[in-house]
Amino acid sequence: MAARRAFTLIELLVVISIISLLLSLALPALGGARAASRACACLCRMRQLALFTDLYADANKDLMPRSSHSAAGSRSAPWGYAFYESINDSAYDGPGPAWESTLNTHYRCPLDARRNRYSYGYNVYFELSPEETGGPLWRRRASTPRPSATVLFGELEDASVADHAMAHFWTQYSAPPEINDRRHRPGAGVLFLDAHAATLTLGKLFDPKSNLNKWDPATAQ
């Protein structure tokens, strides 16, 4: 009867080393694929916000929605609550599991590790008064001259607890932009008024040295 040949300890160690090496090569690729998938989902969610914006404008005589920056003063719902009905087929009825699900699914980028926070900030130029902007009123969707170049939503910094970006403060008071352009390594998800979304660094959207400002409808180009 032939003797069975077993693996030696050295052979087992060699096999384990090879498997470990293959895993070390494969894991970064899998991690990169996962990040790319989440980034794609993030942009898809932003495109949904464009659809909800259009539905809101269609139902409100072409008026743009508001954020928490000005909604209370105009006795209207901030965009997150205003869009809720389009998502859930029922009006927003206060905090609870349904609201948390909506916030963490539709209003949060999968690359954002935070929970119960808005990832996307509304461009306040669409709700500001001429006194605040020092320029025209941009309350109606059709008033924006270059929708393909004008930002509608951008990804907020991790420290932000708002649902909007105070973009006019960046030029008026040299305030630091509250946009996270590192989440997509590099770049941030950005949604334009014409419903196209892209990953761009902040320098491609706002650069006072070159008079670049795609947040201000008057200068976006």
C-alpha atoms as a PDB file:
ATOM      1  CA  MET A   1       0.000   0.000   0.000  1.00  0.00           C
ATOM      2  CA  ALA A   2       1.451   3.327  -1.091  1.00  0.00           C
ATOM      3  CA  ALA A   3       2.241   5.787   1.657  1.00  0.00           C
ATOM      4  CA  ARG A   4       0.296   9.046   1.678  1.00  0.00           C
ATOM      5  CA  ARG A   5       2.406  12.140   1.121  1.00  0.00           C
ATOM      6  CA  ALA A   6       1.492  15.046   3.407  1.00  0.00           C
ATOM      7  CA  PHE A   7       2.403  18.720   3.074  1.00  0.00           C
ATOM      8  CA  THR A   8       5.456  19.754   4.982  1.00  0.00           C
ATOM      9  CA  LEU A   9       5.354  22.761   7.280  1.00  0.00           C
ATOM     10  CA  ILE A  10       7.471  24.741   4.829  1.00  0.00           C
ATOM     11  CA  GLU A  11       5.101  23.947   1.955  1.00  0.00           C
ATOM     12  CA  LEU A  12       2.123  25.079   4.035  1.00  0.00           C
ATOM     13  CA  LEU A  13       3.880  28.316   4.916  1.00  0.00           C
ATOM     14  CA  VAL A  14       4.654  28.937   1.244  1.00  0.00           C
ATOM     15  CA  VAL A  15       1.006  28.381   0.277  1.00  0.00           C
ATOM     16  CA  ILE A  16      -0.178  30.699   3.067  1.00  0.00           C
ATOM     17  CA  SER A  17       2.320  33.348   1.970  1.00  0.00           C
ATOM     18  CA  ILE A  18       1.115  33.151  -1.639  1.00  0.00           C
ATOM     19  CA  ILE A  19      -2.538  33.446  -0.562  1.00  0.00           C
ATOM     20  CA  SER A  20      -1.693  36.425   1.660  1.00  0.00           C
ATOM     21  CA  LEU A  21       0.136  38.090  -1.211  1.00  0.00           C
ATOM     22  CA  LEU A  22      -2.800  37.596  -3.571  1.00  0.00           C
ATOM     23  CA  LEU A  23      -5.204  38.994  -0.992  1.00  0.00           C
ATOM     24  CA  SER A  24      -3.001  42.035  -0.418  1.00  0.00           C
ATOM     25  CA  LEU A  25      -3.072  42.698  -4.172  1.00  0.00           C
ATOM     26  CA  ALA A  26      -6.811  42.137  -4.514  1.00  0.00           C
ATOM     27  CA  LEU A  27      -8.110  44.096  -1.503  1.00  0.00           C
ATOM     28  CA  PRO A  28      -7.052  47.570  -2.707  1.00  0.00           C
ATOM     29  CA  ALA A  29      -8.716  46.889  -6.050  1.00  0.00           C
ATOM     30  CA  LEU A  30     -11.895  45.771  -4.296  1.00  0.00           C
ATOM     31  CA  GLY A  31     -11.762  48.838  -2.063  1.00  0.00           C
ATOM     32  CA  GLY A  32     -11.344  51.092  -5.088  1.00  0.00           C
ATOM     33  CA  ALA A  33     -14.278  49.436  -6.832  1.00  0.00           C
ATOM     34  CA  ARG A  34     -16.439  49.902  -3.732  1.00  0.00           C
ATOM     35  CA  ALA A  35     -15.502  53.592  -3.509  1.00  0.00           C
ATOM     36  CA  ALA A  36     -16.228  54.075  -7.210  1.00  0.00           C
ATOM     37  CA  SER A  37     -19.628  52.419  -6.782  1.00  0.00           C
ATOM     38  CA  ARG A  38     -20.468  54.685  -3.843  1.00  0.00           C
ATOM     39  CA  ALA A  39     -19.348  57.766  -5.771  1.00  0.00           C
ATOM     40  CA  CYS A  40     -21.621  56.768  -8.651  1.00  0.00           C
ATOM     41  CA  ALA A  41     -24.545  56.274  -6.251  1.00  0.00           C
ATOM     42  CA  CYS A  42     -23.795  59.695  -4.755  1.00  0.00           C
ATOM     43  CA  LEU A  43     -24.121  61.409  -8.146  1.00  0.00           C
ATOM     44  CA  CYS A  44     -27.299  59.446  -8.903  1.00  0.00           C
ATOM     45  CA  ARG A  45     -28.860  60.719  -5.698  1.00  0.00           C
ATOM     46  CA  MET A  46     -27.936  64.257  -6.678  1.00  0.00           C
ATOM     47  CA  ARG A  47     -29.624  63.831 -10.048  1.00  0.00           C
ATOM     48  CA  GLN A  48     -32.762  62.774  -8.179  1.00  0.00           C
ATOM     49  CA  LEU A  49     -32.622  66.112  -6.344  1.00  0.00           C
ATOM     50  CA  ALA A  50     -32.781  67.850  -9.723  1.00  0.00           C
ATOM     51  CA  LEU A  51     -35.938  65.890 -10.546  1.00  0.00           C
ATOM     52  CA  PHE A  52     -37.518  66.835  -7.217  1.00  0.00           C
ATOM     53  CA  THR A  53     -36.547  70.476  -7.803  1.00  0.00           C
ATOM     54  CA  ASP A  54     -38.273  70.430 -11.174  1.00  0.00           C
ATOM     55  CA  LEU A  55     -41.381  68.814  -9.686  1.00  0.00           C
ATOM     56  CA  TYR A  56     -41.462  71.488  -7.004  1.00  0.00           C
ATOM     57  CA  ALA A  57     -41.059  74.308  -9.539  1.00  0.00           C
ATOM     58  CA  ASP A  58     -43.749  72.817 -11.786  1.00  0.00           C
ATOM     59  CA  ALA A  59     -46.172  72.791  -8.861  1.00  0.00           C
ATOM     60  CA  ASN A  60     -45.274  76.310  -7.673  1.00  0.00           C
ATOM     61  CA  LYS A  61     -45.415  78.515 -10.764  1.00  0.00           C
ATOM     62  CA  ASP A  62     -41.714  78.002 -11.562  1.00  0.00           C
ATOM     63  CA  LEU A  63     -40.559  79.147  -8.118  1.00  0.00           C
ATOM     64  CA  MET A  64     -37.447  77.472  -6.758  1.00  0.00           C
ATOM     65  CA  PRO A  65     -37.546  75.739  -3.364  1.00  0.00           C
ATOM     66  CA  ARG A  66     -36.002  77.222  -0.242  1.00  0.00           C
ATOM     67  CA  SER A  67     -33.653  75.861   2.389  1.00  0.00           C
ATOM     68  CA  SER A  68     -33.759  76.300   6.144  1.00  0.00           C
ATOM     69  CA  HIS A  69     -31.981  79.616   5.572  1.00  0.00           C
ATOM     70  CA  SER A  70     -35.176  81.386   4.509  1.00  0.00           C
ATOM     71  CA  ALA A  71     -38.055  78.890   4.587  1.00  0.00           C
ATOM     72  CA  ALA A  72     -39.418  79.906   7.989  1.00  0.00           C
ATOM     73  CA  GLY A  73     -39.533  83.596   7.024  1.00  0.00           C
ATOM     74  CA  SER A  74     -41.582  82.790   3.925  1.00  0.00           C
ATOM     75  CA  ARG A  75     -43.790  80.226   5.710  1.00  0.00           C
ATOM     76  CA  SER A  76     -42.715  77.457   3.372  1.00  0.00           C
ATOM     77  CA  ALA A  77     -41.016  74.099   3.892  1.00  0.00           C
ATOM     78  CA  PRO A  78     -37.264  73.699   3.445  1.00  0.00           C
ATOM     79  CA  TRP A  79     -36.340  71.636   0.404  1.00  0.00           C
ATOM     80  CA  GLY A  80     -35.747  68.420   2.376  1.00  0.00           C
ATOM     81  CA  TYR A  81     -39.300  68.475   3.719  1.00  0.00           C
ATOM     82  CA  ALA A  82     -40.788  69.851   0.484  1.00  0.00           C
ATOM     83  CA  PHE A  83     -39.290  66.958  -1.540  1.00  0.00           C
ATOM     84  CA  TYR A  84     -40.443  64.381   1.022  1.00  0.00           C
ATOM     85  CA  GLU A  85     -43.884  64.037  -0.518  1.00  0.00           C
ATOM     86  CA  SER A  86     -42.428  63.265  -3.969  1.00  0.00           C
ATOM     87  CA  ILE A  87     -40.335  60.500  -2.409  1.00  0.00           C
ATOM     88  CA  ASN A  88     -42.857  58.951  -0.027  1.00  0.00           C
ATOM     89  CA  ASP A  89     -46.256  59.860  -1.535  1.00  0.00           C
ATOM     90  CA  SER A  90     -47.192  61.485   1.757  1.00  0.00           C
ATOM     91  CA  ALA A  91     -46.556  64.835   3.381  1.00  0.00           C
ATOM     92  CA  TYR A  92     -43.777  65.208   5.932  1.00  0.00           C
ATOM     93  CA  ASP A  93     -45.286  64.560   9.372  1.00  0.00           C
ATOM     94  CA  GLY A  94     -42.323  65.101  11.675  1.00  0.00           C
ATOM     95  CA  PRO A  95     -39.199  63.231  12.746  1.00  0.00           C
ATOM     96  CA  GLY A  96     -39.293  59.470  12.930  1.00  0.00           C
ATOM     97  CA  PRO A  97     -38.096  56.326  11.135  1.00  0.00           C
ATOM     98  CA  ALA A  98     -39.584  57.393   7.779  1.00  0.00           C
ATOM     99  CA  TRP A  99     -37.837  60.750   7.893  1.00  0.00           C
ATOM    100  CA  GLU A 100     -34.518  59.217   9.000  1.00  0.00           C
ATOM    101  CA  SER A 101     -34.739  56.732   6.136  1.00  0.00           C
ATOM    102  CA  THR A 102     -35.371  59.523   3.633  1.00  0.00           C
ATOM    103  CA  LEU A 103     -32.569  61.674   5.025  1.00  0.00           C
ATOM    104  CA  ASN A 104     -30.019  58.867   5.055  1.00  0.00           C
ATOM    105  CA  THR A 105     -31.013  57.470   1.669  1.00  0.00           C
ATOM    106  CA  HIS A 106     -31.908  60.366  -0.601  1.00  0.00           C
ATOM    107  CA  TYR A 107     -30.127  63.280   1.061  1.00  0.00           C
ATOM    108  CA  ARG A 108     -26.884  61.575   2.095  1.00  0.00           C
ATOM    109  CA  CYS A 109     -23.941  60.587  -0.095  1.00  0.00           C
ATOM    110  CA  PRO A 110     -22.813  56.958   0.485  1.00  0.00           C
ATOM    111  CA  LEU A 111     -19.251  58.284   0.821  1.00  0.00           C
ATOM    112  CA  ASP A 112     -20.350  60.439   3.773  1.00  0.00           C
ATOM    113  CA  ALA A 113     -19.679  58.492   6.974  1.00  0.00           C
ATOM    114  CA  ARG A 114     -22.025  60.684   9.005  1.00  0.00           C
ATOM    115  CA  ARG A 115     -25.604  59.694   9.791  1.00  0.00           C
ATOM    116  CA  ASN A 116     -28.657  61.924  10.086  1.00  0.00           C
ATOM    117  CA  ARG A 117     -26.940  64.823   8.345  1.00  0.00           C
ATOM    118  CA  TYR A 118     -27.480  66.379   4.937  1.00  0.00           C
ATOM    119  CA  SER A 119     -24.613  65.611   2.573  1.00  0.00           C
ATOM    120  CA  TYR A 120     -25.987  68.006  -0.034  1.00  0.00           C
ATOM    121  CA  GLY A 121     -26.272  71.755   0.378  1.00  0.00           C
ATOM    122  CA  TYR A 122     -28.701  73.875  -1.606  1.00  0.00           C
ATOM    123  CA  ASN A 123     -27.326  76.955  -3.366  1.00  0.00           C
ATOM    124  CA  VAL A 124     -28.899  79.858  -1.451  1.00  0.00           C
ATOM    125  CA  TYR A 125     -28.645  82.216  -4.442  1.00  0.00           C
ATOM    126  CA  PHE A 126     -31.989  80.766  -5.548  1.00  0.00           C
ATOM    127  CA  GLU A 127     -33.724  82.018  -2.398  1.00  0.00           C
ATOM    128  CA  LEU A 128     -31.907  85.258  -1.537  1.00  0.00           C
ATOM    129  CA  SER A 129     -33.289  88.747  -1.939  1.00  0.00           C
ATOM    130  CA  PRO A 130     -31.586  91.350  -4.179  1.00  0.00           C
ATOM    131  CA  GLU A 131     -30.482  93.125  -0.985  1.00  0.00           C
ATOM    132  CA  GLU A 132     -28.594  90.017   0.093  1.00  0.00           C
ATOM    133  CA  THR A 133     -26.951  89.266  -3.233  1.00  0.00           C
ATOM    134  CA  GLY A 134     -26.482  92.805  -4.511  1.00  0.00           C
ATOM    135  CA  GLY A 135     -27.909  91.641  -7.811  1.00  0.00           C
ATOM    136  CA  PRO A 136     -31.015  90.232  -9.497  1.00  0.00           C
ATOM    137  CA  LEU A 137     -33.618  87.983  -7.917  1.00  0.00           C
ATOM    138  CA  TRP A 138     -33.183  84.313  -8.895  1.00  0.00           C
ATOM    139  CA  ARG A 139     -36.349  82.867  -7.376  1.00  0.00           C
ATOM    140  CA  ARG A 140     -37.746  81.456 -10.620  1.00  0.00           C
ATOM    141  CA  ARG A 141     -36.171  78.536 -12.437  1.00  0.00           C
ATOM    142  CA  ALA A 142     -36.461  80.198 -15.854  1.00  0.00           C
ATOM    143  CA  SER A 143     -34.613  83.322 -14.683  1.00  0.00           C
ATOM    144  CA  THR A 144     -31.238  81.535 -14.573  1.00  0.00           C
ATOM    145  CA  PRO A 145     -29.442  82.384 -17.832  1.00  0.00           C
ATOM    146  CA  ARG A 146     -27.009  79.441 -17.900  1.00  0.00           C
ATOM    147  CA  PRO A 147     -28.517  76.430 -16.079  1.00  0.00           C
ATOM    148  CA  SER A 148     -25.818  74.050 -17.336  1.00  0.00           C
ATOM    149  CA  ALA A 149     -23.144  76.136 -15.584  1.00  0.00           C
ATOM    150  CA  THR A 150     -25.028  77.116 -12.412  1.00  0.00           C
ATOM    151  CA  VAL A 151     -24.685  74.968  -9.298  1.00  0.00           C
ATOM    152  CA  LEU A 152     -27.913  73.782  -7.681  1.00  0.00           C
ATOM    153  CA  PHE A 153     -26.496  71.500  -4.951  1.00  0.00           C
ATOM    154  CA  GLY A 154     -22.983  70.779  -3.710  1.00  0.00           C
ATOM    155  CA  GLU A 155     -21.571  68.419  -1.100  1.00  0.00           C
ATOM    156  CA  LEU A 156     -21.206  69.973   2.345  1.00  0.00           C
ATOM    157  CA  GLU A 157     -18.250  69.820   4.698  1.00  0.00           C
ATOM    158  CA  ASP A 158     -18.385  67.210   7.455  1.00  0.00           C
ATOM    159  CA  ALA A 159     -18.705  69.948  10.089  1.00  0.00           C
ATOM    160  CA  SER A 160     -21.844  71.376   8.475  1.00  0.00           C
ATOM    161  CA  VAL A 161     -25.225  70.784  10.080  1.00  0.00           C
ATOM    162  CA  ALA A 162     -27.085  72.894   7.503  1.00  0.00           C
ATOM    163  CA  ASP A 163     -29.017  71.991   4.348  1.00  0.00           C
ATOM    164  CA  HIS A 164     -27.547  74.828   2.276  1.00  0.00           C
ATOM    165  CA  ALA A 165     -24.335  76.560   1.253  1.00  0.00           C
ATOM    166  CA  MET A 166     -24.059  80.309   1.939  1.00  0.00           C
ATOM    167  CA  ALA A 167     -22.220  80.899  -1.311  1.00  0.00           C
ATOM    168  CA  HIS A 168     -22.775  84.669  -1.372  1.00  0.00           C
ATOM    169  CA  PHE A 169     -20.732  84.986   1.840  1.00  0.00           C
ATOM    170  CA  TRP A 170     -17.699  83.601   0.007  1.00  0.00           C
ATOM    171  CA  THR A 171     -17.393  86.767  -2.025  1.00  0.00           C
ATOM    172  CA  GLN A 172     -19.009  89.308   0.300  1.00  0.00           C
ATOM    173  CA  TYR A 173     -17.124  88.379   3.463  1.00  0.00           C
ATOM    174  CA  SER A 174     -14.347  86.078   2.185  1.00  0.00           C
ATOM    175  CA  ALA A 175     -15.942  83.272   4.181  1.00  0.00           C
ATOM    176  CA  PRO A 176     -14.433  79.807   3.609  1.00  0.00           C
ATOM    177  CA  PRO A 177     -16.629  77.699   1.299  1.00  0.00           C
ATOM    178  CA  GLU A 178     -18.461  75.026   3.258  1.00  0.00           C
ATOM    179  CA  ILE A 179     -17.923  72.489   0.473  1.00  0.00           C
ATOM    180  CA  ASN A 180     -16.115  69.180   0.940  1.00  0.00           C
ATOM    181  CA  ASP A 181     -14.010  68.673  -2.170  1.00  0.00           C
ATOM    182  CA  ARG A 182     -12.008  65.775  -0.677  1.00  0.00           C
ATOM    183  CA  ARG A 183     -14.803  63.258  -0.203  1.00  0.00           C
ATOM    184  CA  HIS A 184     -14.375  61.881  -3.737  1.00  0.00           C
ATOM    185  CA  ARG A 185     -10.556  62.028  -3.453  1.00  0.00           C
ATOM    186  CA  PRO A 186     -10.347  64.634  -4.816  1.00  0.00           C
ATOM    187  CA  GLY A 187     -13.474  66.532  -5.675  1.00  0.00           C
ATOM    188  CA  ALA A 188     -17.051  66.894  -4.547  1.00  0.00           C
ATOM    189  CA  GLY A 189     -20.287  65.807  -6.114  1.00  0.00           C
ATOM    190  CA  VAL A 190     -21.932  68.830  -7.722  1.00  0.00           C
ATOM    191  CA  LEU A 191     -25.390  69.124  -9.271  1.00  0.00           C
ATOM    192  CA  PHE A 192     -26.178  71.780 -11.850  1.00  0.00           C
ATOM    193  CA  LEU A 193     -29.565  73.320 -12.558  1.00  0.00           C
ATOM    194  CA  ASP A 194     -29.878  71.469 -15.883  1.00  0.00           C
ATOM    195  CA  ALA A 195     -29.784  68.177 -13.888  1.00  0.00           C
ATOM    196  CA  HIS A 196     -26.298  67.000 -14.802  1.00  0.00           C
ATOM    197  CA  ALA A 197     -24.002  65.995 -11.946  1.00  0.00           C
ATOM    198  CA  ALA A 198     -20.217  65.763 -11.863  1.00  0.00           C
ATOM    199  CA  THR A 199     -17.276  65.310  -9.508  1.00  0.00           C
ATOM    200  CA  LEU A 200     -15.276  68.546  -9.441  1.00  0.00           C
ATOM    201  CA  THR A 201     -12.792  70.220  -7.153  1.00  0.00           C
ATOM    202  CA  LEU A 202     -13.811  73.507  -5.589  1.00  0.00           C
ATOM    203  CA  GLY A 203     -11.287  75.354  -7.729  1.00  0.00           C
ATOM    204  CA  LYS A 204     -13.302  74.402 -10.821  1.00  0.00           C
ATOM    205  CA  LEU A 205     -16.401  75.989  -9.293  1.00  0.00           C
ATOM    206  CA  PHE A 206     -15.192  78.964  -7.298  1.00  0.00           C
ATOM    207  CA  ASP A 207     -11.949  80.888  -7.633  1.00  0.00           C
ATOM    208  CA  PRO A 208     -12.063  84.597  -6.712  1.00  0.00           C
ATOM    209  CA  LYS A 209      -8.616  85.201  -8.203  1.00  0.00           C
ATOM    210  CA  SER A 210      -9.906  84.384 -11.680  1.00  0.00           C
ATOM    211  CA  ASN A 211     -13.452  85.686 -11.054  1.00  0.00           C
ATOM    212  CA  LEU A 212     -14.817  82.144 -11.384  1.00  0.00           C
ATOM    213  CA  ASN A 213     -18.092  81.574  -9.543  1.00  0.00           C
ATOM    214  CA  LYS A 214     -20.515  78.917 -10.747  1.00  0.00           C
ATOM    215  CA  TRP A 215     -22.697  79.374  -7.678  1.00  0.00           C
ATOM    216  CA  ASP A 216     -23.784  82.892  -8.600  1.00  0.00           C
ATOM    217  CA  PRO A 217     -26.275  82.654 -11.523  1.00  0.00           C
ATOM    218  CA  ALA A 218     -25.115  86.095 -12.692  1.00  0.00           C
ATOM    219  CA  THR A 219     -21.503  84.956 -13.226  1.00  0.00           C
ATOM    220  CA  ALA A 220     -21.810  81.218 -13.926  1.00  0.00           C
ATOM    221  CA  GLN A 221     -20.476  80.289 -17.334  1.00  0.00           C
END
